[in-house]
Amino acid sequence: SLGNYGISGTIGGGGVTPTTPAPPVLPPGTLSLRVDNGRTVEAASGVIVDGYAGDYPADVDRRVTVRGRGCVLTWRAFDVEDAENCIYDYVQVQAVGGTTDVKYCGAALPATQQIDGDGFTLLLHSDGGVEASGFEVAFACSNTPPTPRPTPTPPTPRPPTPVPPTPVPGVETLNLRADNGRTVVADSGTITDGYAEYPSDTVVSVTVVGAACLLTFTAFDVEPEASCGYDFVEILGAGGASAGKFCGSTVPAPLRMAGDRFTVRLSSDPAVQGSGFALSYVCNEATETPPTTTPEPPTPRPSTPTPPTPTPVTPRPPTPRPPTPTPPTPRPPTPVPPTPVPGVETLNLRADNGRTVVADSGTITDGYAEYPSDTVVSVTVVGAACLLTFTAFDVEPEASCGYDFVEILGAGGASAGKFCGSTVPAPLRMAGDRFTVRLSSDPAVQGSGFALSYVCNEATETPPTTTPEPPTPRPSTPTPPTPTPVTPRPPTPLPTPAPVEKVRLTMRNDNGRRVVAASGTISDGWATYQPDQDLS
């Protein structure tokens, strides 16, 4: 339906032919799921299209919400993969505050539809198989709901001597769908999965930096399994250790986290899904300072004073002078154990998406033979004064890196560089105590990806303190010193996974995993496995 709005030609004055199909040019008042995904608008009328020049892509969930009463939908074009009960691809219309909830698929034009409630949300969902040309629908609403006027808050009286409060990180409302891979500093907020029903074959996560956090689940519906081997929500502590893995429909008990951060991760397999979860968190409660109280004024003395009873003065005994201390025998200093070295971390965005690790050196790659379309994956490394050196680079080129790109983010989330094309970027020295590497791709052309190495904490390393040996009397004939052999540092052993009763593994999601299990199943994890793969 939406090739009618397509364009062709060149971009800018340089005559460069784009390698990615340009999004269609749309008339005013038209919403495109490709461009306007996630938007909420108030409008009396307009048109909604899928927004792709050809067929819509695989594995997408895109939606827009229109606020208005008495809305009527009139379909102008419709072509979505057909299946019984629309289990593969579909367009779903859900009323806002009403009862309308219907799915469409196939090539038949749906009938005109009246929406109850205060508006509607229109969702396009596709799986990993067949795609089609999409849809176009016009809407008209009889009454747009007015924007509520905020209730004025009476001013709070200013205290006579205000003490400036210690700044707090604030409140963060997060959802895994939109904030996948983010690390935020917050003292309270909420975290949800962000989907009406979370999708299959998904691993998404967010990390919150805050001490002594209390997590309270308020809703929970994740595919059940005895050992949570299919779909699960997992809470990870500051060092990446699991504090709990949950599935089923029972709301988990509140969870108090140790350390200075926690990560919430949702993982799903290719089969059954649920409606997801919601939780609230409150951090840094132990650091709150009790309020300062104003002392009460003294009670006035009565007008007729009572003569005081004289108290006999007891002579004060002289204060004995302490004896002259004997200087203590100097105690040899207690050796300080060396600070543990974080070690080497070899990461790839495909398997480690959303992880935060502490490391002083290692490598990061995209993890694909050719990275996929419509993907946003990232990892975060905690380490100071890190030097990043790219060793390979091939990402779809564009003048402003507006299609696909690799972006390096600093500790506060500020971009330190966005890169695309086939030229290997120059080395990059990061300030702060961490950095994030993020790969983003659009639905069209892809490249072979990237690889980089990193070295952190070089400026903070302290040379080992050695105890000087007593001098050896020099012999009459000097003997050349014998070099001391350097004992190689043994490799850090990999932790043995905790045994489980039954597992369900897919090579697509569990590439590189090592598990101990009594029984289970292993599958490749795709409807059709992909070319150029080497998984185990």
Protein backbone atom coordinates (compact mmCIF):
# COMPACT_ATOMS: atom_id res chain seq x y z
CA SER A 1 0.00 0.00 0.00
CA LEU A 2 2.76 2.36 0.82
CA GLY A 3 4.89 2.29 -2.31
CA ASN A 4 2.55 5.07 -3.54
CA TYR A 5 4.50 7.47 -1.32
CA GLY A 6 8.00 6.20 -2.24
CA ILE A 7 10.72 8.38 -3.80
CA SER A 8 13.92 7.73 -5.73
CA GLY A 9 16.87 9.85 -6.81
CA THR A 10 19.91 11.29 -5.09
CA ILE A 11 20.64 12.74 -1.66
CA GLY A 12 22.07 16.28 -1.29
CA GLY A 13 24.14 17.96 -3.92
CA GLY A 14 26.87 15.31 -4.16
CA GLY A 15 24.87 12.89 -6.30
CA VAL A 16 25.38 9.97 -3.88
CA THR A 17 22.81 7.21 -4.45
CA PRO A 18 21.56 5.93 -1.04
CA THR A 19 22.26 2.31 -0.25
CA THR A 20 19.17 2.08 2.02
CA PRO A 21 15.63 2.58 0.63
CA ALA A 22 14.46 6.02 1.75
CA PRO A 23 11.29 6.10 3.88
CA PRO A 24 8.20 7.11 1.88
CA VAL A 25 7.28 10.81 1.68
CA LEU A 26 3.94 11.07 3.50
CA PRO A 27 1.21 13.72 3.18
CA PRO A 28 0.54 16.00 6.17
CA GLY A 29 -1.58 14.36 8.88
CA THR A 30 -0.22 10.86 8.12
CA LEU A 31 1.32 8.73 10.88
CA SER A 32 3.96 6.13 9.92
CA LEU A 33 4.67 3.18 12.23
CA ARG A 34 8.24 3.12 10.93
CA VAL A 35 8.91 6.76 11.87
CA ASP A 36 6.34 7.45 14.64
CA ASN A 37 6.71 4.19 16.60
CA GLY A 38 5.65 4.73 20.23
CA ARG A 39 4.04 8.17 19.68
CA THR A 40 0.74 9.28 21.27
CA VAL A 41 -1.16 12.05 19.43
CA GLU A 42 -4.45 13.91 19.88
CA ALA A 43 -6.13 14.39 16.52
CA ALA A 44 -9.61 14.66 15.04
CA SER A 45 -8.66 12.84 11.82
CA GLY A 46 -5.74 11.47 9.85
CA VAL A 47 -4.20 8.43 8.17
CA ILE A 48 -1.98 5.66 9.58
CA VAL A 49 0.34 3.58 7.37
CA ASP A 50 3.02 0.97 8.08
CA GLY A 51 5.56 3.34 6.50
CA TYR A 52 7.83 0.97 4.55
CA ALA A 53 8.61 1.46 0.85
CA GLY A 54 8.17 -2.25 0.08
CA ASP A 55 7.16 -5.11 2.34
CA TYR A 56 7.28 -4.47 6.09
CA PRO A 57 10.31 -6.22 7.73
CA ALA A 58 10.43 -9.35 9.89
CA ASP A 59 10.47 -9.34 13.70
CA VAL A 60 8.93 -5.92 14.38
CA ASP A 61 6.43 -4.58 16.93
CA ARG A 62 5.48 -0.97 16.08
CA ARG A 63 2.53 1.04 17.36
CA VAL A 64 0.96 4.49 17.57
CA THR A 65 -1.81 5.75 19.89
CA VAL A 66 -4.53 8.28 18.92
CA ARG A 67 -6.46 10.06 21.67
CA GLY A 68 -10.05 11.05 20.82
CA ARG A 69 -13.64 9.92 21.40
CA GLY A 70 -16.00 8.27 18.94
CA CYS A 71 -13.18 7.28 16.53
CA VAL A 72 -14.07 5.41 13.30
CA LEU A 73 -11.47 3.42 11.29
CA THR A 74 -11.87 3.08 7.50
CA TRP A 75 -9.37 0.70 5.86
CA ARG A 76 -8.04 1.73 2.42
CA ALA A 77 -5.48 -1.05 1.79
CA PHE A 78 -4.54 -4.24 3.66
CA ASP A 79 -2.04 -7.07 3.01
CA VAL A 80 -0.61 -8.94 6.03
CA GLU A 81 0.59 -12.59 6.16
CA ASP A 82 -2.50 -14.77 6.62
CA ALA A 83 -2.83 -17.54 9.25
CA GLU A 84 -5.55 -19.09 11.38
CA ASN A 85 -6.15 -16.88 14.44
CA CYS A 86 -3.51 -14.49 13.01
CA ILE A 87 -0.73 -16.26 14.96
CA TYR A 88 2.14 -15.04 12.72
CA ASP A 89 1.77 -11.43 11.50
CA TYR A 90 -1.18 -9.17 12.41
CA VAL A 91 -2.51 -5.64 12.87
CA GLN A 92 -4.15 -5.20 16.29
CA VAL A 93 -6.56 -2.39 17.30
CA GLN A 94 -7.08 -1.82 21.05
CA ALA A 95 -9.33 0.84 22.59
CA VAL A 96 -7.94 3.24 25.19
CA GLY A 97 -10.26 2.92 28.20
CA GLY A 98 -12.74 0.82 26.19
CA THR A 99 -13.46 -2.80 25.24
CA THR A 100 -12.44 -2.92 21.55
CA ASP A 101 -9.57 -5.40 20.97
CA VAL A 102 -9.34 -7.08 17.55
CA LYS A 103 -6.60 -8.56 15.31
CA TYR A 104 -6.55 -8.58 11.48
CA CYS A 105 -4.43 -10.52 8.96
CA GLY A 106 -4.72 -11.72 5.37
CA ALA A 107 -5.46 -9.75 2.20
CA ALA A 108 -9.18 -9.00 2.76
CA LEU A 109 -9.99 -5.36 3.50
CA PRO A 110 -11.38 -5.15 7.11
CA ALA A 111 -14.80 -3.58 7.63
CA THR A 112 -15.23 -0.01 8.93
CA GLN A 113 -14.84 -0.08 12.71
CA GLN A 114 -16.28 2.10 15.52
CA ILE A 115 -13.93 2.41 18.55
CA ASP A 116 -15.31 2.89 22.06
CA GLY A 117 -13.34 4.58 24.85
CA ASP A 118 -11.01 7.60 24.67
CA GLY A 119 -8.98 6.61 21.61
CA PHE A 120 -7.12 3.58 20.27
CA THR A 121 -3.68 1.99 19.85
CA LEU A 122 -2.80 0.40 16.48
CA LEU A 123 -0.02 -2.26 16.52
CA LEU A 124 1.77 -4.02 13.62
CA HIS A 125 3.47 -7.31 14.66
CA SER A 126 5.56 -9.57 12.39
CA ASP A 127 7.44 -12.80 13.04
CA GLY A 128 10.62 -14.05 11.39
CA GLY A 129 8.94 -15.54 8.29
CA VAL A 130 6.76 -14.22 5.44
CA GLU A 131 6.14 -10.47 5.04
CA ALA A 132 3.65 -8.49 2.91
CA SER A 133 3.03 -4.95 1.63
CA GLY A 134 1.26 -3.65 4.78
CA PHE A 135 -1.77 -1.42 5.25
CA GLU A 136 -3.32 2.04 5.14
CA VAL A 137 -6.23 3.17 7.34
CA ALA A 138 -8.01 6.51 7.82
CA PHE A 139 -9.44 7.59 11.19
CA ALA A 140 -11.94 10.27 12.21
CA CYS A 141 -12.81 11.16 15.82
CA SER A 142 -15.83 13.24 16.82
CA ASN A 143 -14.47 14.69 20.04
CA THR A 144 -10.84 15.03 21.08
CA PRO A 145 -10.55 14.77 24.87
CA PRO A 146 -9.39 18.04 26.43
CA THR A 147 -5.99 18.18 28.06
CA PRO A 148 -6.61 18.23 31.84
CA ARG A 149 -5.57 21.48 33.51
CA PRO A 150 -3.07 20.86 36.29
CA THR A 151 -4.31 21.62 39.82
CA PRO A 152 -2.26 24.48 41.25
CA THR A 153 -0.14 23.48 44.23
CA PRO A 154 -0.19 25.95 47.14
CA PRO A 155 3.29 27.34 47.84
CA THR A 156 5.18 25.70 50.68
CA PRO A 157 6.24 28.23 53.34
CA ARG A 158 9.98 28.81 53.19
CA PRO A 159 11.77 27.83 56.42
CA PRO A 160 13.70 30.65 58.10
CA THR A 161 17.14 29.06 57.64
CA PRO A 162 16.97 26.45 54.89
CA VAL A 163 19.70 23.81 54.83
CA PRO A 164 20.48 22.89 51.21
CA PRO A 165 19.55 19.22 50.76
CA THR A 166 22.01 16.71 49.42
CA PRO A 167 21.12 16.25 45.72
CA VAL A 168 19.45 12.91 45.00
CA PRO A 169 19.66 11.06 41.70
CA GLY A 170 15.87 11.32 41.17
CA VAL A 171 13.12 9.05 39.89
CA GLU A 172 13.55 6.88 36.77
CA THR A 173 10.60 5.15 35.06
CA LEU A 174 12.12 2.48 32.79
CA ASN A 175 10.84 -0.15 30.37
CA LEU A 176 13.05 -2.86 28.88
CA ARG A 177 11.67 -2.41 25.35
CA ALA A 178 12.69 1.26 25.01
CA ASP A 179 15.61 1.39 27.51
CA ASN A 180 17.37 -1.90 26.67
CA GLY A 181 21.07 -1.68 27.60
CA ARG A 182 20.76 1.60 29.61
CA THR A 183 22.52 2.21 32.95
CA VAL A 184 20.91 4.97 35.07
CA VAL A 185 21.56 6.52 38.49
CA ALA A 186 18.32 6.76 40.51
CA ASP A 187 16.97 6.46 44.03
CA SER A 188 13.45 5.26 43.13
CA GLY A 189 11.22 4.42 40.17
CA THR A 190 9.51 1.61 38.28
CA ILE A 191 10.66 -0.99 35.73
CA THR A 192 8.32 -2.84 33.31
CA ASP A 193 8.90 -5.07 30.29
CA GLY A 194 7.25 -2.44 28.05
CA TYR A 195 5.20 -4.82 25.87
CA ALA A 196 1.51 -5.78 25.84
CA GLU A 197 2.94 -9.31 25.49
CA TYR A 198 6.73 -9.67 25.46
CA PRO A 199 8.08 -11.16 22.16
CA SER A 200 9.86 -14.48 21.56
CA ASP A 201 13.64 -14.90 21.27
CA THR A 202 14.38 -11.73 23.26
CA VAL A 203 17.03 -10.77 25.84
CA VAL A 204 16.61 -7.20 27.19
CA SER A 205 17.89 -5.54 30.37
CA VAL A 206 18.45 -2.29 32.29
CA THR A 207 20.84 -1.45 35.17
CA VAL A 208 20.13 0.94 38.09
CA VAL A 209 23.00 2.41 40.14
CA GLY A 210 21.84 2.86 43.77
CA ALA A 211 22.77 1.37 47.17
CA ALA A 212 20.65 -0.97 49.34
CA CYS A 213 17.77 -1.08 46.83
CA LEU A 214 14.44 -2.72 47.73
CA LEU A 215 12.64 -4.28 44.71
CA THR A 216 8.88 -4.92 44.96
CA PHE A 217 7.10 -6.74 42.12
CA THR A 218 3.57 -5.43 41.43
CA ALA A 219 2.62 -7.66 38.44
CA PHE A 220 4.08 -10.88 37.02
CA ASP A 221 3.16 -13.24 34.13
CA VAL A 222 6.06 -15.18 32.51
CA GLU A 223 5.90 -18.66 30.90
CA PRO A 224 6.16 -21.19 33.80
CA GLU A 225 8.70 -24.04 34.00
CA ALA A 226 10.05 -25.90 37.06
CA SER A 227 13.58 -24.46 36.79
CA CYS A 228 12.59 -21.33 34.79
CA GLY A 229 14.47 -22.80 31.81
CA TYR A 230 12.23 -21.32 29.08
CA ASP A 231 11.33 -17.66 29.82
CA PHE A 232 12.42 -15.83 32.97
CA VAL A 233 13.05 -12.50 34.71
CA GLU A 234 16.45 -12.49 36.47
CA ILE A 235 17.80 -9.98 39.02
CA LEU A 236 21.61 -9.60 38.98
CA GLY A 237 23.77 -7.93 41.65
CA ALA A 238 26.71 -5.53 41.29
CA GLY A 239 29.19 -8.26 40.30
CA GLY A 240 26.80 -10.00 37.90
CA ALA A 241 25.79 -12.73 40.40
CA SER A 242 22.15 -13.83 40.19
CA ALA A 243 19.98 -12.73 43.12
CA GLY A 244 16.93 -14.59 41.77
CA LYS A 245 15.39 -16.06 38.59
CA PHE A 246 11.57 -15.95 38.37
CA CYS A 247 8.82 -17.33 36.09
CA GLY A 248 5.14 -18.30 36.29
CA SER A 249 2.22 -16.13 37.43
CA THR A 250 2.99 -15.84 41.18
CA VAL A 251 4.23 -12.37 42.12
CA PRO A 252 7.74 -12.80 43.64
CA ALA A 253 8.44 -11.64 47.20
CA PRO A 254 10.21 -8.27 47.75
CA LEU A 255 13.99 -8.46 47.25
CA ARG A 256 16.64 -6.35 49.09
CA MET A 257 19.81 -5.92 46.98
CA ALA A 258 23.33 -5.58 48.41
CA GLY A 259 25.99 -3.57 46.56
CA ASP A 260 25.74 -0.33 44.63
CA ARG A 261 23.66 -1.45 41.60
CA PHE A 262 21.33 -4.09 40.18
CA THR A 263 20.30 -5.34 36.73
CA VAL A 264 16.84 -6.58 35.64
CA ARG A 265 16.95 -8.95 32.65
CA LEU A 266 14.07 -10.55 30.69
CA SER A 267 14.89 -13.61 28.52
CA SER A 268 12.39 -15.49 26.31
CA ASP A 269 12.64 -18.57 24.07
CA PRO A 270 10.92 -19.04 20.66
CA ALA A 271 7.66 -20.50 22.06
CA VAL A 272 5.02 -19.40 24.63
CA GLN A 273 5.05 -15.81 25.99
CA GLY A 274 3.23 -13.98 28.80
CA SER A 275 2.08 -10.44 29.53
CA GLY A 276 5.35 -9.58 31.38
CA PHE A 277 6.04 -7.89 34.71
CA ALA A 278 6.22 -4.62 36.64
CA LEU A 279 8.22 -3.69 39.73
CA SER A 280 9.05 -0.63 41.81
CA TYR A 281 12.38 0.09 43.50
CA VAL A 282 13.61 2.38 46.28
CA CYS A 283 17.35 2.86 46.91
CA ASN A 284 19.66 4.71 49.32
CA GLU A 285 17.16 4.58 52.21
CA ALA A 286 19.92 3.91 54.72
CA THR A 287 21.65 7.18 53.77
CA GLU A 288 18.74 9.44 54.67
CA THR A 289 19.52 12.02 57.39
CA PRO A 290 16.88 12.40 60.15
CA PRO A 291 15.16 15.80 60.15
CA THR A 292 16.64 18.53 62.34
CA THR A 293 14.26 19.56 65.14
CA THR A 294 14.06 23.11 66.51
CA PRO A 295 14.65 23.14 70.33
CA GLU A 296 11.70 24.18 72.48
CA PRO A 297 12.07 27.62 74.15
CA PRO A 298 12.90 27.44 77.89
CA THR A 299 10.02 27.63 80.39
CA PRO A 300 10.00 31.10 82.05
CA ARG A 301 10.96 31.18 85.75
CA PRO A 302 8.06 32.07 88.14
CA SER A 303 7.89 35.68 89.36
CA THR A 304 8.54 34.79 93.04
CA PRO A 305 11.95 33.12 93.16
CA THR A 306 12.60 30.42 95.73
CA PRO A 307 15.87 31.01 97.55
CA PRO A 308 18.34 28.33 96.63
CA THR A 309 19.51 25.87 99.24
CA PRO A 310 23.26 26.34 99.69
CA THR A 311 25.20 23.30 98.57
CA PRO A 312 28.40 22.57 100.45
CA VAL A 313 31.45 22.79 98.22
CA THR A 314 33.32 19.52 98.03
CA PRO A 315 37.02 20.11 97.40
CA ARG A 316 38.03 18.79 94.01
CA PRO A 317 40.77 16.16 94.22
CA PRO A 318 43.86 16.91 92.19
CA THR A 319 43.96 15.28 88.81
CA PRO A 320 46.72 12.68 88.82
CA ARG A 321 49.33 13.25 86.15
CA PRO A 322 49.76 10.25 83.90
CA PRO A 323 53.17 8.61 84.06
CA THR A 324 55.62 9.37 81.32
CA PRO A 325 54.76 6.85 78.59
CA THR A 326 57.38 4.39 77.51
CA PRO A 327 57.80 4.55 73.76
CA PRO A 328 56.34 1.35 72.27
CA THR A 329 58.43 -1.05 70.32
CA PRO A 330 57.77 -0.25 66.67
CA ARG A 331 55.43 -2.85 65.22
CA PRO A 332 56.17 -3.95 61.66
CA PRO A 333 53.51 -2.64 59.27
CA THR A 334 50.75 -5.10 58.39
CA PRO A 335 51.04 -5.83 54.68
CA VAL A 336 48.05 -4.56 52.74
CA PRO A 337 46.68 -7.24 50.42
CA PRO A 338 46.76 -6.14 46.79
CA THR A 339 43.52 -4.84 45.31
CA PRO A 340 42.04 -7.64 43.16
CA VAL A 341 42.53 -6.98 39.48
CA PRO A 342 39.21 -7.04 37.61
CA GLY A 343 40.80 -9.19 34.89
CA VAL A 344 40.22 -9.63 31.17
CA GLU A 345 36.71 -9.68 29.64
CA THR A 346 36.12 -10.85 26.06
CA LEU A 347 32.62 -9.60 25.12
CA ASN A 348 30.35 -9.77 22.09
CA LEU A 349 27.15 -7.75 21.76
CA ARG A 350 25.12 -10.69 20.48
CA ALA A 351 25.63 -12.90 23.57
CA ASP A 352 26.36 -10.22 26.21
CA ASN A 353 23.69 -7.62 25.29
CA GLY A 354 22.79 -5.53 28.35
CA ARG A 355 25.67 -6.79 30.53
CA THR A 356 27.77 -4.50 32.79
CA VAL A 357 31.21 -5.94 33.66
CA VAL A 358 34.22 -4.78 35.70
CA ALA A 359 37.44 -5.31 33.72
CA ASP A 360 40.84 -3.75 33.07
CA SER A 361 41.34 -5.07 29.52
CA GLY A 362 39.71 -7.19 26.86
CA THR A 363 37.99 -7.15 23.47
CA ILE A 364 34.48 -6.29 22.25
CA THR A 365 32.96 -7.46 18.94
CA ASP A 366 29.45 -7.36 17.45
CA GLY A 367 29.33 -11.20 17.57
CA TYR A 368 27.69 -11.75 14.16
CA ALA A 369 29.06 -12.81 10.76
CA GLU A 370 26.86 -9.95 9.50
CA TYR A 371 24.90 -7.97 12.12
CA PRO A 372 21.08 -8.17 11.68
CA SER A 373 18.59 -5.41 10.78
CA ASP A 374 16.46 -3.44 13.27
CA THR A 375 18.82 -4.18 16.18
CA VAL A 376 20.05 -2.18 19.19
CA VAL A 377 22.58 -4.07 21.40
CA SER A 378 25.13 -2.81 23.92
CA VAL A 379 27.58 -3.69 26.72
CA THR A 380 29.07 -1.54 29.52
CA VAL A 381 32.60 -1.86 30.96
CA VAL A 382 33.44 -0.36 34.40
CA GLY A 383 37.05 0.86 34.40
CA ALA A 384 38.86 4.22 34.62
CA ALA A 385 40.82 6.04 31.87
CA CYS A 386 40.08 3.35 29.26
CA LEU A 387 41.82 3.41 25.86
CA LEU A 388 39.67 1.94 23.02
CA THR A 389 41.42 0.76 19.84
CA PHE A 390 39.32 -0.43 16.87
CA THR A 391 40.89 -3.35 14.97
CA ALA A 392 38.14 -3.96 12.36
CA PHE A 393 35.17 -1.90 11.15
CA ASP A 394 32.44 -2.35 8.49
CA VAL A 395 29.09 -0.60 9.16
CA GLU A 396 26.65 0.77 6.55
CA PRO A 397 27.96 4.25 5.57
CA GLU A 398 25.95 7.49 5.64
CA ALA A 399 27.15 11.11 5.92
CA SER A 400 25.76 11.65 9.46
CA CYS A 401 25.70 7.92 10.43
CA GLY A 402 21.88 8.10 10.39
CA TYR A 403 21.24 4.51 9.25
CA ASP A 404 23.56 2.05 11.09
CA PHE A 405 26.24 3.09 13.59
CA VAL A 406 28.52 2.10 16.47
CA GLU A 407 28.36 4.68 19.31
CA ILE A 408 30.66 5.02 22.33
CA LEU A 409 28.96 6.52 25.44
CA GLY A 410 30.68 7.89 28.55
CA ALA A 411 29.83 7.41 32.24
CA GLY A 412 26.95 9.91 32.19
CA GLY A 413 25.49 8.62 28.90
CA ALA A 414 27.04 11.41 26.78
CA SER A 415 28.20 10.33 23.31
CA ALA A 416 31.98 10.23 22.84
CA GLY A 417 31.68 9.29 19.15
CA LYS A 418 29.32 7.81 16.54
CA PHE A 419 30.98 5.83 13.71
CA CYS A 420 29.94 4.19 10.40
CA GLY A 421 31.50 3.23 7.06
CA SER A 422 34.54 1.03 6.46
CA THR A 423 37.32 3.31 7.79
CA VAL A 424 38.72 2.05 11.12
CA PRO A 425 38.14 4.85 13.70
CA ALA A 426 41.08 6.39 15.55
CA PRO A 427 41.88 5.23 19.12
CA LEU A 428 39.65 6.85 21.76
CA ARG A 429 40.61 7.67 25.38
CA MET A 430 37.55 7.69 27.70
CA ALA A 431 37.16 9.89 30.79
CA GLY A 432 35.12 8.73 33.80
CA ASP A 433 34.79 5.31 35.40
CA ARG A 434 32.95 3.41 32.64
CA PHE A 435 32.00 3.32 28.97
CA THR A 436 29.24 1.73 26.85
CA VAL A 437 29.56 0.36 23.28
CA ARG A 438 26.24 0.35 21.37
CA LEU A 439 25.45 -0.99 17.86
CA SER A 440 22.24 0.26 16.17
CA SER A 441 20.94 -0.86 12.74
CA ASP A 442 17.93 0.07 10.58
CA PRO A 443 15.81 -2.38 8.51
CA ALA A 444 17.96 -2.30 5.34
CA VAL A 445 21.67 -2.74 4.44
CA GLN A 446 24.04 -4.33 6.98
CA GLY A 447 27.81 -4.80 7.25
CA SER A 448 30.20 -7.34 8.75
CA GLY A 449 30.46 -5.39 12.04
CA PHE A 450 33.41 -4.33 14.19
CA ALA A 451 36.04 -5.38 16.71
CA LEU A 452 37.92 -3.32 19.30
CA SER A 453 40.30 -3.85 22.22
CA TYR A 454 40.34 -1.85 25.45
CA VAL A 455 42.82 -1.26 28.29
CA CYS A 456 41.70 0.51 31.51
CA ASN A 457 43.14 1.68 34.84
CA GLU A 458 46.67 2.11 33.47
CA ALA A 459 47.19 5.39 35.35
CA THR A 460 45.89 3.95 38.64
CA GLU A 461 48.11 0.87 38.82
CA THR A 462 50.56 0.93 41.79
CA PRO A 463 53.84 -0.97 41.41
CA PRO A 464 54.17 -3.82 43.94
CA THR A 465 55.97 -2.93 47.19
CA THR A 466 59.00 -5.16 47.78
CA THR A 467 60.76 -5.68 51.14
CA PRO A 468 64.48 -4.91 50.67
CA GLU A 469 66.77 -7.86 51.35
CA PRO A 470 69.64 -7.29 53.83
CA PRO A 471 72.84 -6.44 51.96
CA THR A 472 75.08 -9.40 51.20
CA PRO A 473 78.79 -8.80 51.83
CA ARG A 474 80.48 -8.29 48.48
CA PRO A 475 82.95 -11.11 47.68
CA SER A 476 86.43 -10.26 46.54
CA THR A 477 85.56 -11.40 43.02
CA PRO A 478 82.24 -9.85 41.94
CA THR A 479 79.67 -12.40 40.76
CA PRO A 480 77.08 -11.26 38.20
CA PRO A 481 73.51 -11.40 39.65
CA THR A 482 71.34 -14.36 38.72
CA PRO A 483 68.07 -13.16 37.12
CA THR A 484 64.95 -14.13 39.08
CA PRO A 485 62.48 -16.02 36.85
CA VAL A 486 59.01 -14.44 36.63
CA THR A 487 56.32 -16.85 37.78
CA PRO A 488 53.44 -16.66 35.24
CA ARG A 489 50.07 -15.75 36.70
CA PRO A 490 47.71 -18.76 36.49
CA PRO A 491 44.56 -18.17 34.44
CA THR A 492 41.41 -17.36 36.38
CA PRO A 493 39.26 -20.54 36.33
CA LEU A 494 35.82 -20.19 34.82
CA PRO A 495 33.03 -20.63 37.39
CA THR A 496 31.18 -23.95 37.19
CA PRO A 497 27.47 -23.29 36.52
CA ALA A 498 25.06 -24.41 39.23
CA PRO A 499 23.39 -27.72 38.23
CA VAL A 500 19.77 -27.63 37.19
CA GLU A 501 17.25 -30.44 36.76
CA LYS A 502 16.11 -29.61 33.21
CA VAL A 503 17.15 -27.01 30.66
CA ARG A 504 15.89 -25.78 27.31
CA LEU A 505 18.72 -24.34 25.17
CA THR A 506 18.73 -22.58 21.81
CA MET A 507 21.95 -21.86 19.92
CA ARG A 508 20.54 -18.50 18.86
CA ASN A 509 20.27 -17.20 22.49
CA ASP A 510 22.68 -19.49 24.40
CA ASN A 511 25.72 -19.40 22.06
CA GLY A 512 28.83 -20.14 24.16
CA ARG A 513 26.92 -21.10 27.35
CA ARG A 514 28.08 -23.93 29.62
CA VAL A 515 25.43 -25.63 31.77
CA VAL A 516 25.22 -28.62 34.11
CA ALA A 517 21.87 -30.39 33.77
CA ALA A 518 20.25 -33.79 34.17
CA SER A 519 18.09 -33.49 31.03
CA GLY A 520 16.78 -30.99 28.51
CA THR A 521 16.43 -30.04 24.86
CA ILE A 522 18.71 -28.21 22.37
CA SER A 523 17.51 -26.49 19.18
CA ASP A 524 19.05 -24.03 16.72
CA GLY A 525 16.45 -21.38 17.76
CA TRP A 526 15.43 -20.02 14.32
CA ALA A 527 12.44 -20.68 12.10
CA THR A 528 15.15 -20.98 9.36
CA TYR A 529 18.77 -20.98 10.53
CA GLN A 530 20.93 -18.11 9.26
CA PRO A 531 23.95 -18.27 6.88
CA ASP A 532 27.55 -17.80 8.12
CA GLN A 533 26.96 -19.12 11.66
CA ASP A 534 29.35 -20.97 13.99
CA LEU A 535 27.50 -21.66 17.27
CA SER A 536 27.86 -24.11 20.14
